Amino acid sequence: MTEPPADKTAALEANTFFIEVSGAGLPEIDGLFVPSTAPPVVSESGTMSAIGYWNGKRAWDRADGKASRNPSLSYSNSYKCWRISRLDGHLAYHVV
């Protein structure tokens, strides 16, 4: 597996969007999500992440810091969908 050129992740526009989730049906899902600060790593699909991004798309962490998985709201290249995780890190929902 090779890492993408450094300039590819450096060219990403800063993720400055905040997301509020409410009425999800699981109280632990509801809340404010802020741009992810998870450190860069290579995802299962082989894509290098960047601050605020996962698999080349914007990603978010829970603002309260209670989640065991960050980013908590992100895009999966493997499943081709957006996913949000519960506090324990297990995936709660996905949107295709």
PDB file of N, CA and C in Angstrom:
ATOM      1  N   MET A   1       0.840  -1.153   0.000  1.00  0.00           N
ATOM      2  CA  MET A   1       0.000   0.000   0.000  1.00  0.00           C
ATOM      3  C   MET A   1       0.899   1.234   0.000  1.00  0.00           C
ATOM      4  N   THR A   2       0.584   2.172  -0.854  1.00  0.00           N
ATOM      5  CA  THR A   2       1.395   3.382  -0.921  1.00  0.00           C
ATOM      6  C   THR A   2       0.573   4.576  -0.462  1.00  0.00           C
ATOM      7  N   GLU A   3       1.243   5.525   0.125  1.00  0.00           N
ATOM      8  CA  GLU A   3       0.575   6.730   0.588  1.00  0.00           C
ATOM      9  C   GLU A   3       0.397   7.688  -0.581  1.00  0.00           C
ATOM     10  N   PRO A   4      -0.716   8.437  -0.586  1.00  0.00           N
ATOM     11  CA  PRO A   4      -0.896   9.423  -1.648  1.00  0.00           C
ATOM     12  C   PRO A   4       0.122  10.539  -1.486  1.00  0.00           C
ATOM     13  N   PRO A   5       0.390  11.264  -2.552  1.00  0.00           N
ATOM     14  CA  PRO A   5       1.333  12.376  -2.446  1.00  0.00           C
ATOM     15  C   PRO A   5       0.896  13.345  -1.345  1.00  0.00           C
ATOM     16  N   ALA A   6       1.834  13.880  -0.613  1.00  0.00           N
ATOM     17  CA  ALA A   6       1.537  14.789   0.490  1.00  0.00           C
ATOM     18  C   ALA A   6       0.709  15.982   0.024  1.00  0.00           C
ATOM     19  N   ASP A   7       0.928  16.432  -1.203  1.00  0.00           N
ATOM     20  CA  ASP A   7       0.204  17.601  -1.692  1.00  0.00           C
ATOM     21  C   ASP A   7      -1.285  17.311  -1.872  1.00  0.00           C
ATOM     22  N   LYS A   8      -1.680  16.035  -2.000  1.00  0.00           N
ATOM     23  CA  LYS A   8      -3.093  15.705  -2.168  1.00  0.00           C
ATOM     24  C   LYS A   8      -3.871  16.001  -0.887  1.00  0.00           C
ATOM     25  N   THR A   9      -3.347  15.620   0.274  1.00  0.00           N
ATOM     26  CA  THR A   9      -4.030  15.919   1.524  1.00  0.00           C
ATOM     27  C   THR A   9      -3.844  17.384   1.915  1.00  0.00           C
ATOM     28  N   ALA A  10      -2.742  17.978   1.550  1.00  0.00           N
ATOM     29  CA  ALA A  10      -2.498  19.382   1.865  1.00  0.00           C
ATOM     30  C   ALA A  10      -3.433  20.296   1.085  1.00  0.00           C
ATOM     31  N   ALA A  11      -3.927  19.845  -0.066  1.00  0.00           N
ATOM     32  CA  ALA A  11      -4.787  20.654  -0.915  1.00  0.00           C
ATOM     33  C   ALA A  11      -6.240  20.666  -0.450  1.00  0.00           C
ATOM     34  N   LEU A  12      -6.576  19.852   0.555  1.00  0.00           N
ATOM     35  CA  LEU A  12      -7.956  19.807   1.034  1.00  0.00           C
ATOM     36  C   LEU A  12      -8.317  21.104   1.748  1.00  0.00           C
ATOM     37  N   GLU A  13      -9.497  21.603   1.458  1.00  0.00           N
ATOM     38  CA  GLU A  13     -10.007  22.800   2.118  1.00  0.00           C
ATOM     39  C   GLU A  13     -10.332  22.459   3.570  1.00  0.00           C
ATOM     40  N   ALA A  14     -10.042  23.347   4.480  1.00  0.00           N
ATOM     41  CA  ALA A  14     -10.307  23.086   5.902  1.00  0.00           C
ATOM     42  C   ALA A  14     -11.784  22.770   6.129  1.00  0.00           C
ATOM     43  N   ASN A  15     -12.036  21.731   6.920  1.00  0.00           N
ATOM     44  CA  ASN A  15     -13.404  21.376   7.272  1.00  0.00           C
ATOM     45  C   ASN A  15     -13.837  22.274   8.425  1.00  0.00           C
ATOM     46  N   THR A  16     -14.726  23.214   8.151  1.00  0.00           N
ATOM     47  CA  THR A  16     -15.183  24.159   9.167  1.00  0.00           C
ATOM     48  C   THR A  16     -16.667  23.988   9.473  1.00  0.00           C
ATOM     49  N   PHE A  17     -17.272  22.916   8.974  1.00  0.00           N
ATOM     50  CA  PHE A  17     -18.700  22.684   9.169  1.00  0.00           C
ATOM     51  C   PHE A  17     -18.972  21.938  10.468  1.00  0.00           C
ATOM     52  N   PHE A  18     -19.993  22.363  11.184  1.00  0.00           N
ATOM     53  CA  PHE A  18     -20.466  21.678  12.380  1.00  0.00           C
ATOM     54  C   PHE A  18     -21.797  21.029  12.027  1.00  0.00           C
ATOM     55  N   ILE A  19     -22.094  19.875  12.618  1.00  0.00           N
ATOM     56  CA  ILE A  19     -23.343  19.161  12.332  1.00  0.00           C
ATOM     57  C   ILE A  19     -24.048  18.879  13.654  1.00  0.00           C
ATOM     58  N   GLU A  20     -25.353  19.158  13.690  1.00  0.00           N
ATOM     59  CA  GLU A  20     -26.148  18.805  14.863  1.00  0.00           C
ATOM     60  C   GLU A  20     -27.114  17.703  14.466  1.00  0.00           C
ATOM     61  N   VAL A  21     -27.076  16.603  15.209  1.00  0.00           N
ATOM     62  CA  VAL A  21     -27.970  15.468  14.966  1.00  0.00           C
ATOM     63  C   VAL A  21     -29.002  15.460  16.080  1.00  0.00           C
ATOM     64  N   SER A  22     -30.282  15.372  15.708  1.00  0.00           N
ATOM     65  CA  SER A  22     -31.345  15.277  16.709  1.00  0.00           C
ATOM     66  C   SER A  22     -32.444  14.367  16.180  1.00  0.00           C
ATOM     67  N   GLY A  23     -33.108  13.674  17.096  1.00  0.00           N
ATOM     68  CA  GLY A  23     -34.209  12.785  16.716  1.00  0.00           C
ATOM     69  C   GLY A  23     -33.750  11.517  16.033  1.00  0.00           C
ATOM     70  N   ALA A  24     -32.530  11.072  16.309  1.00  0.00           N
ATOM     71  CA  ALA A  24     -31.988   9.885  15.646  1.00  0.00           C
ATOM     72  C   ALA A  24     -32.627   8.597  16.141  1.00  0.00           C
ATOM     73  N   GLY A  25     -33.314   8.639  17.282  1.00  0.00           N
ATOM     74  CA  GLY A  25     -33.908   7.429  17.833  1.00  0.00           C
ATOM     75  C   GLY A  25     -33.046   6.789  18.904  1.00  0.00           C
ATOM     76  N   LEU A  26     -31.781   7.144  18.936  1.00  0.00           N
ATOM     77  CA  LEU A  26     -30.865   6.710  19.994  1.00  0.00           C
ATOM     78  C   LEU A  26     -30.286   7.971  20.616  1.00  0.00           C
ATOM     79  N   PRO A  27     -30.578   8.223  21.894  1.00  0.00           N
ATOM     80  CA  PRO A  27     -30.092   9.468  22.519  1.00  0.00           C
ATOM     81  C   PRO A  27     -28.574   9.643  22.417  1.00  0.00           C
ATOM     82  N   GLU A  28     -27.812   8.554  22.423  1.00  0.00           N
ATOM     83  CA  GLU A  28     -26.356   8.691  22.373  1.00  0.00           C
ATOM     84  C   GLU A  28     -25.853   9.125  20.998  1.00  0.00           C
ATOM     85  N   ILE A  29     -26.709   9.095  19.992  1.00  0.00           N
ATOM     86  CA  ILE A  29     -26.334   9.553  18.647  1.00  0.00           C
ATOM     87  C   ILE A  29     -26.555  11.053  18.524  1.00  0.00           C
ATOM     88  N   ASP A  30     -27.625  11.538  19.156  1.00  0.00           N
ATOM     89  CA  ASP A  30     -27.943  12.959  19.079  1.00  0.00           C
ATOM     90  C   ASP A  30     -26.822  13.799  19.690  1.00  0.00           C
ATOM     91  N   GLY A  31     -26.589  14.950  19.098  1.00  0.00           N
ATOM     92  CA  GLY A  31     -25.592  15.858  19.645  1.00  0.00           C
ATOM     93  C   GLY A  31     -24.907  16.672  18.570  1.00  0.00           C
ATOM     94  N   LEU A  32     -23.932  17.427  19.004  1.00  0.00           N
ATOM     95  CA  LEU A  32     -23.165  18.284  18.110  1.00  0.00           C
ATOM     96  C   LEU A  32     -21.893  17.560  17.670  1.00  0.00           C
ATOM     97  N   PHE A  33     -21.602  17.647  16.387  1.00  0.00           N
ATOM     98  CA  PHE A  33     -20.394  17.044  15.814  1.00  0.00           C
ATOM     99  C   PHE A  33     -19.542  18.158  15.222  1.00  0.00           C
ATOM    100  N   VAL A  34     -18.247  18.103  15.520  1.00  0.00           N
ATOM    101  CA  VAL A  34     -17.297  19.133  15.096  1.00  0.00           C
ATOM    102  C   VAL A  34     -16.269  18.507  14.148  1.00  0.00           C
ATOM    103  N   PRO A  35     -15.601  19.330  13.347  1.00  0.00           N
ATOM    104  CA  PRO A  35     -14.599  18.769  12.425  1.00  0.00           C
ATOM    105  C   PRO A  35     -13.609  17.866  13.167  1.00  0.00           C
ATOM    106  N   SER A  36     -13.348  16.712  12.583  1.00  0.00           N
ATOM    107  CA  SER A  36     -12.499  15.712  13.233  1.00  0.00           C
ATOM    108  C   SER A  36     -11.063  16.198  13.413  1.00  0.00           C
ATOM    109  N   THR A  37     -10.522  15.856  14.569  1.00  0.00           N
ATOM    110  CA  THR A  37      -9.117  16.151  14.851  1.00  0.00           C
ATOM    111  C   THR A  37      -8.314  14.859  14.953  1.00  0.00           C
ATOM    112  N   ALA A  38      -8.906  13.748  14.493  1.00  0.00           N
ATOM    113  CA  ALA A  38      -8.199  12.462  14.531  1.00  0.00           C
ATOM    114  C   ALA A  38      -6.912  12.579  13.713  1.00  0.00           C
ATOM    115  N   PRO A  39      -5.821  12.025  14.222  1.00  0.00           N
ATOM    116  CA  PRO A  39      -4.543  12.118  13.496  1.00  0.00           C
ATOM    117  C   PRO A  39      -4.588  11.331  12.180  1.00  0.00           C
ATOM    118  N   PRO A  40      -3.815  11.755  11.195  1.00  0.00           N
ATOM    119  CA  PRO A  40      -3.793  11.069   9.911  1.00  0.00           C
ATOM    120  C   PRO A  40      -3.351   9.604  10.033  1.00  0.00           C
ATOM    121  N   VAL A  41      -4.117   8.724   9.407  1.00  0.00           N
ATOM    122  CA  VAL A  41      -3.809   7.293   9.322  1.00  0.00           C
ATOM    123  C   VAL A  41      -4.314   6.783   7.977  1.00  0.00           C
ATOM    124  N   VAL A  42      -3.902   5.579   7.611  1.00  0.00           N
ATOM    125  CA  VAL A  42      -4.396   4.964   6.384  1.00  0.00           C
ATOM    126  C   VAL A  42      -5.631   4.141   6.737  1.00  0.00           C
ATOM    127  N   SER A  43      -6.731   4.367   6.026  1.00  0.00           N
ATOM    128  CA  SER A  43      -7.981   3.655   6.285  1.00  0.00           C
ATOM    129  C   SER A  43      -7.913   2.229   5.733  1.00  0.00           C
ATOM    130  N   GLU A  44      -8.949   1.442   6.042  1.00  0.00           N
ATOM    131  CA  GLU A  44      -9.013   0.060   5.540  1.00  0.00           C
ATOM    132  C   GLU A  44      -8.984   0.011   4.019  1.00  0.00           C
ATOM    133  N   SER A  45      -9.507   1.053   3.380  1.00  0.00           N
ATOM    134  CA  SER A  45      -9.534   1.074   1.914  1.00  0.00           C
ATOM    135  C   SER A  45      -8.223   1.594   1.322  1.00  0.00           C
ATOM    136  N   GLY A  46      -7.268   1.967   2.201  1.00  0.00           N
ATOM    137  CA  GLY A  46      -5.963   2.400   1.718  1.00  0.00           C
ATOM    138  C   GLY A  46      -5.837   3.888   1.468  1.00  0.00           C
ATOM    139  N   THR A  47      -6.805   4.669   1.928  1.00  0.00           N
ATOM    140  CA  THR A  47      -6.779   6.112   1.728  1.00  0.00           C
ATOM    141  C   THR A  47      -6.183   6.798   2.953  1.00  0.00           C
ATOM    142  N   MET A  48      -5.243   7.695   2.743  1.00  0.00           N
ATOM    143  CA  MET A  48      -4.644   8.449   3.842  1.00  0.00           C
ATOM    144  C   MET A  48      -5.626   9.527   4.292  1.00  0.00           C
ATOM    145  N   SER A  49      -5.905   9.564   5.594  1.00  0.00           N
ATOM    146  CA  SER A  49      -6.800  10.589   6.121  1.00  0.00           C
ATOM    147  C   SER A  49      -6.018  11.872   6.379  1.00  0.00           C
ATOM    148  N   ALA A  50      -6.747  12.902   6.704  1.00  0.00           N
ATOM    149  CA  ALA A  50      -6.152  14.199   7.047  1.00  0.00           C
ATOM    150  C   ALA A  50      -7.012  14.812   8.140  1.00  0.00           C
ATOM    151  N   ILE A  51      -6.506  15.786   8.833  1.00  0.00           N
ATOM    152  CA  ILE A  51      -7.292  16.452   9.871  1.00  0.00           C
ATOM    153  C   ILE A  51      -8.586  16.978   9.249  1.00  0.00           C
ATOM    154  N   GLY A  52      -9.725  16.542   9.803  1.00  0.00           N
ATOM    155  CA  GLY A  52     -11.029  16.972   9.297  1.00  0.00           C
ATOM    156  C   GLY A  52     -11.562  16.134   8.155  1.00  0.00           C
ATOM    157  N   TYR A  53     -10.791  15.133   7.707  1.00  0.00           N
ATOM    158  CA  TYR A  53     -11.196  14.314   6.555  1.00  0.00           C
ATOM    159  C   TYR A  53     -10.951  12.836   6.818  1.00  0.00           C
ATOM    160  N   TRP A  54     -11.803  12.000   6.238  1.00  0.00           N
ATOM    161  CA  TRP A  54     -11.638  10.543   6.281  1.00  0.00           C
ATOM    162  C   TRP A  54     -12.037  10.027   4.915  1.00  0.00           C
ATOM    163  N   ASN A  55     -11.194   9.244   4.287  1.00  0.00           N
ATOM    164  CA  ASN A  55     -11.443   8.711   2.945  1.00  0.00           C
ATOM    165  C   ASN A  55     -11.742   9.807   1.927  1.00  0.00           C
ATOM    166  N   GLY A  56     -11.074  10.949   2.081  1.00  0.00           N
ATOM    167  CA  GLY A  56     -11.203  12.032   1.112  1.00  0.00           C
ATOM    168  C   GLY A  56     -12.444  12.888   1.274  1.00  0.00           C
ATOM    169  N   LYS A  57     -13.262  12.602   2.284  1.00  0.00           N
ATOM    170  CA  LYS A  57     -14.478  13.387   2.521  1.00  0.00           C
ATOM    171  C   LYS A  57     -14.437  13.955   3.941  1.00  0.00           C
ATOM    172  N   ARG A  58     -15.156  15.040   4.150  1.00  0.00           N
ATOM    173  CA  ARG A  58     -15.178  15.652   5.482  1.00  0.00           C
ATOM    174  C   ARG A  58     -15.612  14.641   6.534  1.00  0.00           C
ATOM    175  N   ALA A  59     -15.115  14.792   7.758  1.00  0.00           N
ATOM    176  CA  ALA A  59     -15.435  13.872   8.848  1.00  0.00           C
ATOM    177  C   ALA A  59     -15.549  14.657  10.149  1.00  0.00           C
ATOM    178  N   TRP A  60     -16.329  14.102  11.106  1.00  0.00           N
ATOM    179  CA  TRP A  60     -16.621  14.808  12.344  1.00  0.00           C
ATOM    180  C   TRP A  60     -16.470  13.920  13.567  1.00  0.00           C
ATOM    181  N   ASP A  61     -16.102  14.559  14.691  1.00  0.00           N
ATOM    182  CA  ASP A  61     -16.035  13.929  16.016  1.00  0.00           C
ATOM    183  C   ASP A  61     -17.182  14.493  16.853  1.00  0.00           C
ATOM    184  N   ARG A  62     -17.568  13.748  17.885  1.00  0.00           N
ATOM    185  CA  ARG A  62     -18.555  14.285  18.830  1.00  0.00           C
ATOM    186  C   ARG A  62     -17.931  15.465  19.568  1.00  0.00           C
ATOM    187  N   ALA A  63     -18.675  16.533  19.712  1.00  0.00           N
ATOM    188  CA  ALA A  63     -18.157  17.725  20.386  1.00  0.00           C
ATOM    189  C   ALA A  63     -17.903  17.466  21.868  1.00  0.00           C
ATOM    190  N   ASP A  64     -18.670  16.555  22.470  1.00  0.00           N
ATOM    191  CA  ASP A  64     -18.506  16.290  23.902  1.00  0.00           C
ATOM    192  C   ASP A  64     -17.358  15.333  24.204  1.00  0.00           C
ATOM    193  N   GLY A  65     -16.734  14.770  23.167  1.00  0.00           N
ATOM    194  CA  GLY A  65     -15.578  13.891  23.347  1.00  0.00           C
ATOM    195  C   GLY A  65     -15.889  12.533  23.943  1.00  0.00           C
ATOM    196  N   LYS A  66     -17.152  12.152  24.023  1.00  0.00           N
ATOM    197  CA  LYS A  66     -17.546  10.894  24.673  1.00  0.00           C
ATOM    198  C   LYS A  66     -17.402   9.653  23.790  1.00  0.00           C
ATOM    199  N   ALA A  67     -17.211   9.815  22.507  1.00  0.00           N
ATOM    200  CA  ALA A  67     -17.152   8.668  21.593  1.00  0.00           C
ATOM    201  C   ALA A  67     -15.809   7.941  21.697  1.00  0.00           C
ATOM    202  N   SER A  68     -15.855   6.621  21.574  1.00  0.00           N
ATOM    203  CA  SER A  68     -14.613   5.845  21.584  1.00  0.00           C
ATOM    204  C   SER A  68     -14.057   5.684  20.170  1.00  0.00           C
ATOM    205  N   ARG A  69     -14.753   6.217  19.179  1.00  0.00           N
ATOM    206  CA  ARG A  69     -14.317   6.121  17.784  1.00  0.00           C
ATOM    207  C   ARG A  69     -14.296   7.525  17.172  1.00  0.00           C
ATOM    208  N   ASN A  70     -13.177   7.889  16.620  1.00  0.00           N
ATOM    209  CA  ASN A  70     -13.073   9.165  15.912  1.00  0.00           C
ATOM    210  C   ASN A  70     -12.388   8.950  14.577  1.00  0.00           C
ATOM    211  N   PRO A  71     -12.921   9.480  13.497  1.00  0.00           N
ATOM    212  CA  PRO A  71     -14.107  10.307  13.491  1.00  0.00           C
ATOM    213  C   PRO A  71     -15.373   9.479  13.778  1.00  0.00           C
ATOM    214  N   SER A  72     -16.370  10.124  14.378  1.00  0.00           N
ATOM    215  CA  SER A  72     -17.636   9.464  14.724  1.00  0.00           C
ATOM    216  C   SER A  72     -18.637   9.510  13.582  1.00  0.00           C
ATOM    217  N   LEU A  73     -18.476  10.455  12.708  1.00  0.00           N
ATOM    218  CA  LEU A  73     -19.336  10.601  11.530  1.00  0.00           C
ATOM    219  C   LEU A  73     -18.408  10.713  10.327  1.00  0.00           C
ATOM    220  N   SER A  74     -18.456   9.715   9.448  1.00  0.00           N
ATOM    221  CA  SER A  74     -17.494   9.683   8.336  1.00  0.00           C
ATOM    222  C   SER A  74     -18.031   8.860   7.176  1.00  0.00           C
ATOM    223  N   TYR A  75     -17.315   8.923   6.059  1.00  0.00           N
ATOM    224  CA  TYR A  75     -17.680   8.176   4.855  1.00  0.00           C
ATOM    225  C   TYR A  75     -16.831   6.916   4.754  1.00  0.00           C
ATOM    226  N   SER A  76     -17.462   5.812   4.388  1.00  0.00           N
ATOM    227  CA  SER A  76     -16.753   4.547   4.198  1.00  0.00           C
ATOM    228  C   SER A  76     -16.598   4.263   2.712  1.00  0.00           C
ATOM    229  N   ASN A  77     -15.352   4.163   2.256  1.00  0.00           N
ATOM    230  CA  ASN A  77     -15.114   3.778   0.855  1.00  0.00           C
ATOM    231  C   ASN A  77     -15.483   2.321   0.617  1.00  0.00           C
ATOM    232  N   SER A  78     -15.281   1.467   1.632  1.00  0.00           N
ATOM    233  CA  SER A  78     -15.575   0.042   1.489  1.00  0.00           C
ATOM    234  C   SER A  78     -17.058  -0.216   1.285  1.00  0.00           C
ATOM    235  N   TYR A  79     -17.899   0.468   2.079  1.00  0.00           N
ATOM    236  CA  TYR A  79     -19.353   0.254   2.018  1.00  0.00           C
ATOM    237  C   TYR A  79     -20.067   1.298   1.185  1.00  0.00           C
ATOM    238  N   LYS A  80     -19.346   2.304   0.725  1.00  0.00           N
ATOM    239  CA  LYS A  80     -19.913   3.379  -0.098  1.00  0.00           C
ATOM    240  C   LYS A  80     -21.098   4.051   0.585  1.00  0.00           C
ATOM    241  N   CYS A  81     -20.900   4.437   1.849  1.00  0.00           N
ATOM    242  CA  CYS A  81     -21.981   5.090   2.583  1.00  0.00           C
ATOM    243  C   CYS A  81     -21.419   5.943   3.716  1.00  0.00           C
ATOM    244  N   TRP A  82     -22.247   6.854   4.221  1.00  0.00           N
ATOM    245  CA  TRP A  82     -21.928   7.649   5.398  1.00  0.00           C
ATOM    246  C   TRP A  82     -22.306   6.843   6.615  1.00  0.00           C
ATOM    247  N   ARG A  83     -21.482   6.905   7.676  1.00  0.00           N
ATOM    248  CA  ARG A  83     -21.737   6.133   8.891  1.00  0.00           C
ATOM    249  C   ARG A  83     -21.550   7.012  10.123  1.00  0.00           C
ATOM    250  N   ILE A  84     -22.371   6.720  11.137  1.00  0.00           N
ATOM    251  CA  ILE A  84     -22.273   7.418  12.413  1.00  0.00           C
ATOM    252  C   ILE A  84     -22.181   6.351  13.497  1.00  0.00           C
ATOM    253  N   SER A  85     -21.320   6.571  14.477  1.00  0.00           N
ATOM    254  CA  SER A  85     -21.111   5.551  15.498  1.00  0.00           C
ATOM    255  C   SER A  85     -21.745   5.922  16.833  1.00  0.00           C
ATOM    256  N   ARG A  86     -22.053   4.883  17.614  1.00  0.00           N
ATOM    257  CA  ARG A  86     -22.548   5.062  18.971  1.00  0.00           C
ATOM    258  C   ARG A  86     -21.357   5.420  19.864  1.00  0.00           C
ATOM    259  N   LEU A  87     -21.629   5.694  21.135  1.00  0.00           N
ATOM    260  CA  LEU A  87     -20.553   6.069  22.057  1.00  0.00           C
ATOM    261  C   LEU A  87     -19.517   4.964  22.213  1.00  0.00           C
ATOM    262  N   ASP A  88     -19.952   3.689  22.123  1.00  0.00           N
ATOM    263  CA  ASP A  88     -19.022   2.566  22.297  1.00  0.00           C
ATOM    264  C   ASP A  88     -18.208   2.276  21.042  1.00  0.00           C
ATOM    265  N   GLY A  89     -18.432   3.038  19.971  1.00  0.00           N
ATOM    266  CA  GLY A  89     -17.667   2.863  18.746  1.00  0.00           C
ATOM    267  C   GLY A  89     -18.336   1.987  17.701  1.00  0.00           C
ATOM    268  N   HIS A  90     -19.358   1.241  18.087  1.00  0.00           N
ATOM    269  CA  HIS A  90     -20.082   0.413  17.111  1.00  0.00           C
ATOM    270  C   HIS A  90     -20.909   1.319  16.213  1.00  0.00           C
ATOM    271  N   LEU A  91     -21.045   0.924  14.978  1.00  0.00           N
ATOM    272  CA  LEU A  91     -21.782   1.753  14.023  1.00  0.00           C
ATOM    273  C   LEU A  91     -23.273   1.648  14.290  1.00  0.00           C
ATOM    274  N   ALA A  92     -23.926   2.806  14.303  1.00  0.00           N
ATOM    275  CA  ALA A  92     -25.350   2.870  14.602  1.00  0.00           C
ATOM    276  C   ALA A  92     -26.175   2.948  13.337  1.00  0.00           C
ATOM    277  N   TYR A  93     -25.756   3.770  12.402  1.00  0.00           N
ATOM    278  CA  TYR A  93     -26.520   4.005  11.173  1.00  0.00           C
ATOM    279  C   TYR A  93     -25.557   4.125  10.001  1.00  0.00           C
ATOM    280  N   HIS A  94     -26.105   3.878   8.833  1.00  0.00           N
ATOM    281  CA  HIS A  94     -25.381   4.206   7.614  1.00  0.00           C
ATOM    282  C   HIS A  94     -26.384   4.726   6.611  1.00  0.00           C
ATOM    283  N   VAL A  95     -25.959   5.640   5.772  1.00  0.00           N
ATOM    284  CA  VAL A  95     -26.804   6.238   4.753  1.00  0.00           C
ATOM    285  C   VAL A  95     -26.132   6.028   3.420  1.00  0.00           C
ATOM    286  N   VAL A  96     -26.835   5.356   2.535  1.00  0.00           N
ATOM    287  CA  VAL A  96     -26.275   5.039   1.213  1.00  0.00           C
ATOM    288  C   VAL A  96     -26.589   6.155   0.252  1.00  0.00           C
TER     289      VAL A  96
END
